Amino acid sequence: MKFLKFLFAFVFSMVIWFLISYGYNDFSYTSIGIGVFASVITGFIAGGKFTLKHPLWLINLRRVYIFIFYIPILVCGFLKQGVITSWHIITNNYKESTVVKIPTKIKSSYGMLLLSSAISVSSNTLLMDIEDDEDNDEKYLYIHCTNIDKDKIDDADKIVKEEHETWIRRICEE
């Protein structure tokens, strides 16, 4: 199992290395050697810290396809909120700012990481805290929402997580 964790961290590091160095060189032997050396070190360091029970679950093609289809949704949400935020800054027309408590059905730590990143990037919000209610087996997100209408504060959970939670549950938990 330790070898699979090392191998996954090594391959992931090599892919990142090739993506970063793609525009700067023509994949010479020196560049590939540096990438292998850095990936081996990363594999030893990060492989032991990997908390996946099954490190190969990310290679599931169904999850990869769903993630590929989710990327345009995330980018469109990011661009839409960027335009909205820019418009509010230009016109100096700010609305209410509040903190909301939102329940979530996502259980895995990687799903929570992806959800919190997606919420913070694309919907003009910032994740402040995650509360794990062990009695009810639920998790709650405390999210700071900016530029939200007063009449829509009660519907903030639908606005904030509606477009992300179903996709992330398909990617990380099903």
Protein backbone atom coordinates (compact mmCIF):
# COMPACT_ATOMS: atom_id res chain seq x y z
CA MET A 1 0.00 0.00 0.00
CA LYS A 2 2.88 2.38 0.75
CA PHE A 3 4.26 1.74 -2.72
CA LEU A 4 0.93 2.68 -4.32
CA LYS A 5 0.85 5.93 -2.33
CA PHE A 6 4.43 6.68 -3.40
CA LEU A 7 3.65 5.80 -7.02
CA PHE A 8 0.55 7.97 -7.10
CA ALA A 9 2.41 10.95 -5.59
CA PHE A 10 5.29 10.36 -8.04
CA VAL A 11 3.05 10.22 -11.12
CA PHE A 12 1.03 13.23 -9.97
CA SER A 13 4.26 15.21 -9.43
CA MET A 14 5.57 14.23 -12.86
CA VAL A 15 2.36 15.36 -14.55
CA ILE A 16 2.54 18.69 -12.72
CA TRP A 17 6.23 19.01 -13.67
CA PHE A 18 5.47 18.43 -17.35
CA LEU A 19 2.61 20.91 -17.28
CA ILE A 20 4.77 23.57 -15.65
CA SER A 21 7.82 23.04 -17.85
CA TYR A 22 5.93 22.53 -21.12
CA GLY A 23 6.40 26.06 -22.46
CA TYR A 24 9.98 26.57 -21.28
CA ASN A 25 11.88 23.70 -22.86
CA ASP A 26 11.62 20.92 -25.37
CA PHE A 27 11.68 18.09 -22.79
CA SER A 28 15.40 17.55 -22.88
CA TYR A 29 17.05 14.78 -20.89
CA THR A 30 18.07 17.34 -18.28
CA SER A 31 14.51 18.55 -17.79
CA ILE A 32 13.14 15.01 -17.57
CA GLY A 33 15.92 14.06 -15.11
CA ILE A 34 15.17 17.04 -12.88
CA GLY A 35 11.47 16.18 -13.04
CA VAL A 36 12.11 12.56 -12.06
CA PHE A 37 14.42 13.62 -9.23
CA ALA A 38 11.92 16.17 -7.87
CA SER A 39 9.07 13.68 -8.24
CA VAL A 40 10.94 10.95 -6.36
CA ILE A 41 11.58 13.36 -3.49
CA THR A 42 7.96 14.48 -3.57
CA GLY A 43 6.82 10.86 -3.68
CA PHE A 44 8.81 10.01 -0.56
CA ILE A 45 7.64 13.10 1.31
CA ALA A 46 3.99 13.24 0.20
CA GLY A 47 3.45 9.52 -0.31
CA GLY A 48 3.68 8.83 3.41
CA LYS A 49 1.23 11.63 4.16
CA PHE A 50 -1.34 10.46 1.66
CA THR A 51 -4.54 9.64 3.51
CA LEU A 52 -6.44 7.81 0.82
CA LYS A 53 -7.43 4.29 1.73
CA HIS A 54 -7.40 3.41 -1.95
CA PRO A 55 -5.01 5.76 -3.80
CA LEU A 56 -6.16 4.57 -7.21
CA TRP A 57 -9.80 5.73 -6.80
CA LEU A 58 -8.92 9.01 -8.53
CA ILE A 59 -8.03 7.12 -11.70
CA ASN A 60 -11.61 5.89 -12.06
CA LEU A 61 -12.57 7.04 -15.57
CA ARG A 62 -16.12 7.89 -14.55
CA ARG A 63 -14.82 10.34 -11.95
CA VAL A 64 -12.38 11.84 -14.46
CA TYR A 65 -15.15 12.38 -17.04
CA ILE A 66 -17.44 13.99 -14.48
CA PHE A 67 -14.59 16.25 -13.34
CA ILE A 68 -13.86 17.26 -16.94
CA PHE A 69 -17.51 18.23 -17.42
CA TYR A 70 -17.49 20.09 -14.09
CA ILE A 71 -14.53 22.32 -15.01
CA PRO A 72 -16.52 24.51 -17.49
CA ILE A 73 -19.26 24.98 -14.89
CA LEU A 74 -16.67 26.11 -12.38
CA VAL A 75 -14.98 28.45 -14.87
CA CYS A 76 -18.31 29.97 -15.97
CA GLY A 77 -19.27 30.56 -12.34
CA PHE A 78 -15.89 32.17 -11.69
CA LEU A 79 -16.19 34.47 -14.70
CA LYS A 80 -19.81 35.38 -13.92
CA GLN A 81 -19.01 36.32 -10.35
CA GLY A 82 -15.93 38.23 -11.47
CA VAL A 83 -18.07 40.37 -13.75
CA ILE A 84 -20.70 40.88 -11.05
CA THR A 85 -18.09 41.84 -8.46
CA SER A 86 -16.38 44.21 -10.89
CA TRP A 87 -19.72 45.84 -11.66
CA HIS A 88 -20.43 46.36 -7.97
CA ILE A 89 -16.99 47.89 -7.46
CA ILE A 90 -17.29 50.20 -10.48
CA THR A 91 -20.79 51.40 -9.62
CA ASN A 92 -20.10 51.50 -5.84
CA ASN A 93 -23.33 49.56 -5.33
CA TYR A 94 -22.74 47.15 -2.48
CA LYS A 95 -25.41 44.98 -0.93
CA GLU A 96 -25.62 43.09 2.35
CA SER A 97 -22.76 41.02 3.67
CA THR A 98 -23.54 38.16 6.03
CA VAL A 99 -22.39 34.81 7.39
CA VAL A 100 -24.65 31.83 6.72
CA LYS A 101 -24.64 28.29 8.10
CA ILE A 102 -25.22 25.74 5.37
CA PRO A 103 -25.62 21.97 5.82
CA THR A 104 -23.85 19.69 3.37
CA LYS A 105 -24.16 16.02 2.49
CA ILE A 106 -20.52 15.57 1.49
CA LYS A 107 -18.67 13.27 3.89
CA SER A 108 -15.18 12.80 2.42
CA SER A 109 -12.36 15.19 3.24
CA TYR A 110 -11.41 15.53 -0.43
CA GLY A 111 -15.00 16.37 -1.31
CA MET A 112 -15.08 19.02 1.41
CA LEU A 113 -11.82 20.46 0.11
CA LEU A 114 -13.15 20.62 -3.43
CA LEU A 115 -16.49 22.08 -2.31
CA SER A 116 -14.89 24.75 -0.15
CA SER A 117 -12.51 25.72 -2.96
CA ALA A 118 -15.31 25.84 -5.52
CA ILE A 119 -17.54 27.93 -3.25
CA SER A 120 -14.76 30.36 -2.42
CA VAL A 121 -13.69 30.79 -6.04
CA SER A 122 -16.94 30.99 -7.92
CA SER A 123 -19.77 32.42 -5.90
CA ASN A 124 -18.47 35.64 -4.34
CA THR A 125 -18.11 33.98 -0.96
CA LEU A 126 -15.48 32.78 1.46
CA LEU A 127 -15.59 29.61 3.53
CA MET A 128 -14.85 30.49 7.15
CA ASP A 129 -15.30 27.24 9.04
CA ILE A 130 -16.50 23.64 8.80
CA GLU A 131 -18.45 22.23 11.74
CA ASP A 132 -18.68 18.47 12.09
CA ASP A 133 -21.80 17.53 14.07
CA GLU A 134 -21.03 13.96 15.14
CA ASP A 135 -24.39 13.48 16.88
CA ASN A 136 -26.40 13.93 13.67
CA ASP A 137 -23.61 12.80 11.32
CA GLU A 138 -23.82 16.10 9.40
CA LYS A 139 -21.39 18.79 8.40
CA TYR A 140 -22.09 22.50 8.29
CA LEU A 141 -20.27 25.18 6.36
CA TYR A 142 -19.99 28.73 7.69
CA ILE A 143 -19.76 30.92 4.63
CA HIS A 144 -19.26 34.68 4.43
CA CYS A 145 -21.44 35.93 1.56
CA THR A 146 -20.92 39.37 0.07
CA ASN A 147 -23.23 41.39 -2.14
CA ILE A 148 -26.35 39.39 -1.37
CA ASP A 149 -29.88 40.82 -1.41
CA LYS A 150 -31.68 41.07 1.93
CA ASP A 151 -34.58 38.98 0.67
CA LYS A 152 -32.25 36.24 -0.61
CA ILE A 153 -30.32 35.67 2.63
CA ASP A 154 -32.66 32.83 3.62
CA ASP A 155 -32.05 31.16 0.24
CA ALA A 156 -28.27 31.54 0.47
CA ASP A 157 -27.72 27.81 0.91
CA LYS A 158 -29.39 27.13 -2.44
CA ILE A 159 -27.53 29.97 -4.13
CA VAL A 160 -24.12 29.05 -2.76
CA LYS A 161 -23.95 25.26 -2.92
CA GLU A 162 -26.65 24.27 -5.40
CA GLU A 163 -24.45 24.32 -8.46
CA HIS A 164 -21.45 22.64 -6.83
CA GLU A 165 -22.54 20.03 -4.31
CA THR A 166 -24.19 17.58 -6.71
CA TRP A 167 -21.19 17.58 -9.04
CA ILE A 168 -18.69 17.17 -6.24
CA ARG A 169 -20.68 14.32 -4.69
CA ARG A 170 -20.55 12.57 -8.07
CA ILE A 171 -16.81 13.11 -8.31
CA CYS A 172 -15.74 12.25 -4.77
CA GLU A 173 -18.30 9.97 -3.18
CA GLU A 174 -20.32 7.90 -5.60
